[in-house]
């Protein structure tokens, strides 16, 4: 069953790769290239899952995550944090703020697709 996925990342190569992978899995995909646009897109389109980078212009991924979790109407949205910062402190911060999962870049496309499936299935 097709799900709505929002990719929020400012790196064009990552966006192209993620968009291709998610569309190949049969999902409806939208893209936002900074945190501000990402937060607006979450509110407007109500995705089932957000693939959210941490380091972005305007609003970082942590600020977007906090805003989504603070809004009762969005709180059930699944969020997969994706970032070049694979350090333990960054992972702990994202998870503490309410991320459903965390994947450091570079990532295995197979692992990412599996994690997305797992998160979407846990939402049903």
N, C-alpha and C. Protein backbone atom coordinates (compact mmCIF):
# COMPACT_ATOMS: atom_id res chain seq x y z
N UNK A 1 0.84 -1.18 0.00
CA UNK A 1 0.00 0.00 0.00
C UNK A 1 0.88 1.24 0.00
N UNK A 2 0.55 2.18 -0.84
CA UNK A 2 1.35 3.40 -0.99
C UNK A 2 1.24 4.29 0.25
N UNK A 3 2.37 4.80 0.68
CA UNK A 3 2.41 5.71 1.83
C UNK A 3 2.97 7.04 1.37
N UNK A 4 2.70 8.08 2.15
CA UNK A 4 3.22 9.42 1.86
C UNK A 4 4.51 9.62 2.64
N UNK A 5 5.58 9.90 1.90
CA UNK A 5 6.89 10.11 2.52
C UNK A 5 7.41 11.49 2.16
N UNK A 6 7.89 12.19 3.18
CA UNK A 6 8.50 13.51 2.98
C UNK A 6 9.99 13.38 3.26
N UNK A 7 10.80 13.82 2.29
CA UNK A 7 12.25 13.84 2.45
C UNK A 7 12.66 15.28 2.71
N UNK A 8 13.32 15.52 3.83
CA UNK A 8 13.78 16.86 4.18
C UNK A 8 15.30 16.82 4.29
N UNK A 9 15.97 17.31 3.24
CA UNK A 9 17.44 17.26 3.17
C UNK A 9 17.90 18.32 2.18
N UNK A 10 19.03 18.95 2.48
CA UNK A 10 19.54 20.00 1.61
C UNK A 10 20.63 19.52 0.64
N UNK A 11 20.96 18.24 0.68
CA UNK A 11 21.98 17.70 -0.22
C UNK A 11 21.31 17.08 -1.44
N UNK A 12 21.46 17.70 -2.62
CA UNK A 12 20.78 17.22 -3.83
C UNK A 12 21.01 15.74 -4.14
N UNK A 13 22.23 15.25 -3.98
CA UNK A 13 22.51 13.85 -4.30
C UNK A 13 21.77 12.89 -3.37
N UNK A 14 21.66 13.26 -2.12
CA UNK A 14 20.92 12.43 -1.15
C UNK A 14 19.44 12.44 -1.50
N UNK A 15 18.91 13.62 -1.81
CA UNK A 15 17.49 13.75 -2.15
C UNK A 15 17.15 12.90 -3.37
N UNK A 16 17.96 12.98 -4.42
CA UNK A 16 17.71 12.20 -5.64
C UNK A 16 17.70 10.71 -5.33
N UNK A 17 18.68 10.26 -4.56
CA UNK A 17 18.78 8.85 -4.20
C UNK A 17 17.57 8.39 -3.38
N UNK A 18 17.24 9.16 -2.35
CA UNK A 18 16.12 8.79 -1.48
C UNK A 18 14.79 8.82 -2.24
N UNK A 19 14.61 9.84 -3.06
CA UNK A 19 13.38 9.96 -3.83
C UNK A 19 13.21 8.74 -4.74
N UNK A 20 14.29 8.35 -5.43
CA UNK A 20 14.25 7.19 -6.30
C UNK A 20 13.90 5.92 -5.51
N UNK A 21 14.59 5.71 -4.40
CA UNK A 21 14.35 4.51 -3.60
C UNK A 21 12.91 4.42 -3.09
N UNK A 22 12.39 5.53 -2.61
CA UNK A 22 11.04 5.52 -2.04
C UNK A 22 9.97 5.36 -3.13
N UNK A 23 10.19 6.00 -4.28
CA UNK A 23 9.25 5.86 -5.39
C UNK A 23 9.28 4.43 -5.93
N UNK A 24 10.47 3.83 -5.97
CA UNK A 24 10.60 2.45 -6.44
C UNK A 24 9.82 1.49 -5.53
N UNK A 25 9.71 1.86 -4.25
CA UNK A 25 8.94 1.05 -3.30
C UNK A 25 7.44 1.33 -3.41
N UNK A 26 7.07 2.25 -4.29
CA UNK A 26 5.65 2.53 -4.52
C UNK A 26 5.06 3.64 -3.68
N UNK A 27 5.91 4.44 -3.04
CA UNK A 27 5.41 5.50 -2.17
C UNK A 27 5.25 6.83 -2.91
N UNK A 28 4.36 7.65 -2.39
CA UNK A 28 4.19 9.02 -2.88
C UNK A 28 5.24 9.85 -2.14
N UNK A 29 6.07 10.59 -2.89
CA UNK A 29 7.20 11.29 -2.28
C UNK A 29 7.11 12.79 -2.51
N UNK A 30 7.36 13.53 -1.45
CA UNK A 30 7.52 14.99 -1.53
C UNK A 30 8.89 15.32 -0.96
N UNK A 31 9.42 16.47 -1.40
CA UNK A 31 10.76 16.88 -0.98
C UNK A 31 10.74 18.31 -0.46
N UNK A 32 11.49 18.55 0.61
CA UNK A 32 11.72 19.90 1.12
C UNK A 32 13.24 20.02 1.30
N UNK A 33 13.80 21.18 0.96
CA UNK A 33 15.25 21.33 0.94
C UNK A 33 15.83 22.11 2.12
N UNK A 34 14.99 22.50 3.07
CA UNK A 34 15.49 23.09 4.31
C UNK A 34 14.46 22.82 5.40
N UNK A 35 14.87 23.09 6.63
CA UNK A 35 14.00 22.77 7.76
C UNK A 35 12.70 23.53 7.79
N UNK A 36 12.74 24.80 7.42
CA UNK A 36 11.53 25.62 7.41
C UNK A 36 10.50 25.06 6.43
N UNK A 37 10.96 24.77 5.21
CA UNK A 37 10.09 24.19 4.18
C UNK A 37 9.61 22.80 4.60
N UNK A 38 10.49 22.07 5.29
CA UNK A 38 10.13 20.74 5.76
C UNK A 38 9.01 20.77 6.77
N UNK A 39 9.09 21.69 7.72
CA UNK A 39 8.05 21.80 8.74
C UNK A 39 6.72 22.21 8.09
N UNK A 40 6.78 23.15 7.16
CA UNK A 40 5.56 23.57 6.45
C UNK A 40 4.96 22.40 5.68
N UNK A 41 5.81 21.58 5.06
CA UNK A 41 5.33 20.43 4.29
C UNK A 41 4.70 19.36 5.19
N UNK A 42 5.26 19.17 6.38
CA UNK A 42 4.67 18.20 7.32
C UNK A 42 3.26 18.66 7.68
N UNK A 43 3.10 19.94 7.96
CA UNK A 43 1.79 20.48 8.34
C UNK A 43 0.80 20.42 7.18
N UNK A 44 1.27 20.72 5.97
CA UNK A 44 0.37 20.77 4.81
C UNK A 44 0.01 19.40 4.26
N UNK A 45 0.95 18.46 4.25
CA UNK A 45 0.73 17.20 3.55
C UNK A 45 0.55 15.98 4.44
N UNK A 46 0.80 16.12 5.74
CA UNK A 46 0.58 15.03 6.69
C UNK A 46 1.18 13.70 6.23
N UNK A 47 2.50 13.65 6.04
CA UNK A 47 3.10 12.40 5.58
C UNK A 47 3.02 11.29 6.63
N UNK A 48 3.13 10.06 6.15
CA UNK A 48 3.18 8.92 7.06
C UNK A 48 4.56 8.81 7.69
N UNK A 49 5.58 9.24 6.93
CA UNK A 49 6.96 9.16 7.40
C UNK A 49 7.75 10.36 6.88
N UNK A 50 8.61 10.90 7.75
CA UNK A 50 9.53 11.97 7.35
C UNK A 50 10.95 11.43 7.48
N UNK A 51 11.71 11.53 6.39
CA UNK A 51 13.15 11.23 6.43
C UNK A 51 13.81 12.59 6.60
N UNK A 52 14.39 12.84 7.76
CA UNK A 52 14.79 14.17 8.18
C UNK A 52 16.28 14.28 8.45
N UNK A 53 16.96 15.14 7.69
CA UNK A 53 18.38 15.42 7.92
C UNK A 53 18.50 16.32 9.15
N UNK A 54 19.64 16.28 9.82
CA UNK A 54 19.84 17.13 10.98
C UNK A 54 20.40 18.49 10.58
N UNK A 55 21.48 18.51 9.84
CA UNK A 55 22.15 19.78 9.52
C UNK A 55 21.60 20.37 8.22
N UNK A 56 20.77 21.41 8.37
CA UNK A 56 20.13 22.07 7.23
C UNK A 56 20.02 23.57 7.48
N UNK A 57 19.85 24.33 6.40
CA UNK A 57 19.63 25.77 6.58
C UNK A 57 18.27 26.08 7.20
N UNK A 58 18.15 27.27 7.73
CA UNK A 58 16.94 27.86 8.32
C UNK A 58 16.54 27.21 9.63
N UNK A 59 16.11 25.96 9.62
CA UNK A 59 15.82 25.21 10.85
C UNK A 59 16.55 23.89 10.76
N UNK A 60 17.24 23.49 11.83
CA UNK A 60 17.89 22.18 11.75
C UNK A 60 16.85 21.09 12.02
N UNK A 61 17.26 19.85 11.78
CA UNK A 61 16.35 18.73 11.93
C UNK A 61 15.82 18.57 13.35
N UNK A 62 16.64 18.90 14.34
CA UNK A 62 16.18 18.80 15.72
C UNK A 62 15.02 19.76 15.99
N UNK A 63 15.12 20.99 15.46
CA UNK A 63 14.04 21.98 15.64
C UNK A 63 12.76 21.52 14.94
N UNK A 64 12.90 20.94 13.75
CA UNK A 64 11.73 20.41 13.03
C UNK A 64 11.11 19.27 13.84
N UNK A 65 11.93 18.37 14.32
CA UNK A 65 11.46 17.24 15.12
C UNK A 65 10.70 17.73 16.35
N UNK A 66 11.26 18.69 17.07
CA UNK A 66 10.60 19.22 18.27
C UNK A 66 9.25 19.84 17.93
N UNK A 67 9.19 20.60 16.83
CA UNK A 67 7.94 21.25 16.43
C UNK A 67 6.88 20.23 16.06
N UNK A 68 7.27 19.18 15.35
CA UNK A 68 6.31 18.14 14.97
C UNK A 68 5.80 17.42 16.21
N UNK A 69 6.69 17.07 17.12
CA UNK A 69 6.28 16.34 18.33
C UNK A 69 5.43 17.22 19.26
N UNK A 70 5.60 18.53 19.20
CA UNK A 70 4.84 19.43 20.06
C UNK A 70 3.41 19.66 19.55
N UNK A 71 3.16 19.35 18.29
CA UNK A 71 1.84 19.56 17.67
C UNK A 71 1.05 18.25 17.77
N UNK A 72 0.01 18.25 18.58
CA UNK A 72 -0.77 17.03 18.81
C UNK A 72 -1.29 16.41 17.52
N UNK A 73 -1.64 17.24 16.54
CA UNK A 73 -2.19 16.70 15.29
C UNK A 73 -1.13 16.04 14.42
N UNK A 74 0.15 16.27 14.74
CA UNK A 74 1.25 15.69 13.95
C UNK A 74 2.05 14.66 14.74
N UNK A 75 1.79 14.55 16.02
CA UNK A 75 2.64 13.78 16.92
C UNK A 75 2.82 12.32 16.52
N UNK A 76 1.87 11.73 15.79
CA UNK A 76 1.98 10.32 15.40
C UNK A 76 2.84 10.12 14.15
N UNK A 77 3.28 11.19 13.53
CA UNK A 77 4.10 11.10 12.32
C UNK A 77 5.41 10.38 12.63
N UNK A 78 5.74 9.36 11.85
CA UNK A 78 7.00 8.64 12.02
C UNK A 78 8.14 9.50 11.48
N UNK A 79 9.26 9.55 12.23
CA UNK A 79 10.41 10.35 11.80
C UNK A 79 11.68 9.52 11.88
N UNK A 80 12.37 9.46 10.73
CA UNK A 80 13.66 8.79 10.62
C UNK A 80 14.71 9.88 10.44
N UNK A 81 15.58 10.05 11.44
CA UNK A 81 16.65 11.04 11.36
C UNK A 81 17.78 10.46 10.53
N UNK A 82 18.30 11.29 9.64
CA UNK A 82 19.35 10.87 8.73
C UNK A 82 20.40 11.96 8.72
N UNK A 83 21.63 11.63 9.11
CA UNK A 83 22.63 12.67 9.19
C UNK A 83 24.04 12.14 9.05
N UNK A 84 24.94 13.02 8.65
CA UNK A 84 26.35 12.68 8.55
C UNK A 84 26.96 12.51 9.94
N UNK A 85 26.32 13.09 10.93
CA UNK A 85 26.84 13.00 12.28
C UNK A 85 26.41 11.67 12.89
N UNK A 86 27.30 10.70 12.88
CA UNK A 86 26.97 9.40 13.42
C UNK A 86 27.36 9.25 14.87
N UNK A 87 27.75 10.34 15.49
CA UNK A 87 28.21 10.26 16.88
C UNK A 87 27.06 9.91 17.83
N UNK A 88 27.42 9.23 18.87
CA UNK A 88 26.45 8.77 19.86
C UNK A 88 25.62 9.92 20.45
N UNK A 89 26.25 11.06 20.73
CA UNK A 89 25.52 12.19 21.34
C UNK A 89 24.42 12.70 20.41
N UNK A 90 24.70 12.77 19.11
CA UNK A 90 23.69 13.23 18.15
C UNK A 90 22.52 12.24 18.08
N UNK A 91 22.85 10.95 18.05
CA UNK A 91 21.80 9.93 18.02
C UNK A 91 20.93 10.02 19.26
N UNK A 92 21.57 10.15 20.42
CA UNK A 92 20.82 10.22 21.68
C UNK A 92 19.91 11.44 21.71
N UNK A 93 20.40 12.57 21.22
CA UNK A 93 19.58 13.79 21.20
C UNK A 93 18.35 13.59 20.32
N UNK A 94 18.55 13.06 19.11
CA UNK A 94 17.43 12.83 18.20
C UNK A 94 16.40 11.88 18.79
N UNK A 95 16.86 10.80 19.37
CA UNK A 95 15.94 9.83 19.96
C UNK A 95 15.24 10.41 21.19
N UNK A 96 15.97 11.19 21.98
CA UNK A 96 15.37 11.81 23.17
C UNK A 96 14.29 12.82 22.79
N UNK A 97 14.46 13.47 21.64
CA UNK A 97 13.47 14.46 21.19
C UNK A 97 12.27 13.80 20.51
N UNK A 98 12.34 12.49 20.31
CA UNK A 98 11.18 11.78 19.78
C UNK A 98 11.33 11.18 18.40
N UNK A 99 12.55 11.12 17.86
CA UNK A 99 12.73 10.44 16.57
C UNK A 99 12.40 8.96 16.75
N UNK A 100 11.82 8.36 15.71
CA UNK A 100 11.48 6.94 15.78
C UNK A 100 12.69 6.06 15.47
N UNK A 101 13.61 6.59 14.66
CA UNK A 101 14.82 5.84 14.31
C UNK A 101 15.87 6.83 13.84
N UNK A 102 17.10 6.35 13.78
CA UNK A 102 18.24 7.20 13.44
C UNK A 102 19.16 6.41 12.53
N UNK A 103 19.58 7.00 11.41
CA UNK A 103 20.49 6.32 10.50
C UNK A 103 21.59 7.28 10.06
N UNK A 104 22.86 6.95 10.34
CA UNK A 104 23.95 7.84 9.94
C UNK A 104 24.30 7.69 8.46
N UNK A 105 24.72 8.81 7.86
CA UNK A 105 25.24 8.80 6.48
C UNK A 105 26.73 8.49 6.58
N UNK A 106 27.33 7.80 5.62
CA UNK A 106 26.65 7.17 4.48
C UNK A 106 25.86 5.95 4.95
N UNK A 107 24.77 5.68 4.26
CA UNK A 107 23.90 4.58 4.64
C UNK A 107 23.81 3.56 3.52
N UNK A 108 23.52 2.35 3.89
CA UNK A 108 23.25 1.29 2.91
C UNK A 108 21.82 1.49 2.43
N UNK A 109 21.63 1.50 1.12
CA UNK A 109 20.27 1.71 0.59
C UNK A 109 19.35 0.59 1.05
N UNK A 110 19.87 -0.62 1.12
CA UNK A 110 19.05 -1.75 1.57
C UNK A 110 18.61 -1.56 3.03
N UNK A 111 19.55 -1.12 3.88
CA UNK A 111 19.23 -0.88 5.29
C UNK A 111 18.18 0.23 5.42
N UNK A 112 18.34 1.28 4.62
CA UNK A 112 17.39 2.40 4.69
C UNK A 112 15.99 1.94 4.27
N UNK A 113 15.89 1.22 3.17
CA UNK A 113 14.59 0.74 2.70
C UNK A 113 13.96 -0.17 3.75
N UNK A 114 14.74 -1.02 4.37
CA UNK A 114 14.22 -1.91 5.42
C UNK A 114 13.73 -1.11 6.64
N UNK A 115 14.49 -0.09 7.02
CA UNK A 115 14.10 0.73 8.17
C UNK A 115 12.80 1.48 7.88
N UNK A 116 12.67 2.00 6.66
CA UNK A 116 11.43 2.70 6.27
C UNK A 116 10.25 1.73 6.32
N UNK A 117 10.42 0.53 5.78
CA UNK A 117 9.34 -0.47 5.82
C UNK A 117 8.94 -0.77 7.26
N UNK A 118 9.93 -0.97 8.10
CA UNK A 118 9.69 -1.27 9.52
C UNK A 118 8.90 -0.15 10.19
N UNK A 119 9.30 1.09 9.95
CA UNK A 119 8.60 2.24 10.57
C UNK A 119 7.18 2.38 10.05
N UNK A 120 6.99 2.17 8.76
CA UNK A 120 5.65 2.30 8.19
C UNK A 120 4.73 1.18 8.67
N UNK A 121 5.27 -0.02 8.80
CA UNK A 121 4.46 -1.13 9.29
C UNK A 121 4.09 -0.94 10.75
N UNK A 122 4.96 -0.34 11.53
CA UNK A 122 4.67 -0.14 12.95
C UNK A 122 3.61 0.94 13.14
N UNK A 123 3.34 1.72 12.10
CA UNK A 123 2.32 2.78 12.18
C UNK A 123 0.92 2.24 11.94
N UNK A 124 0.82 1.13 11.19
CA UNK A 124 -0.49 0.57 10.84
C UNK A 124 -1.19 -0.05 12.03
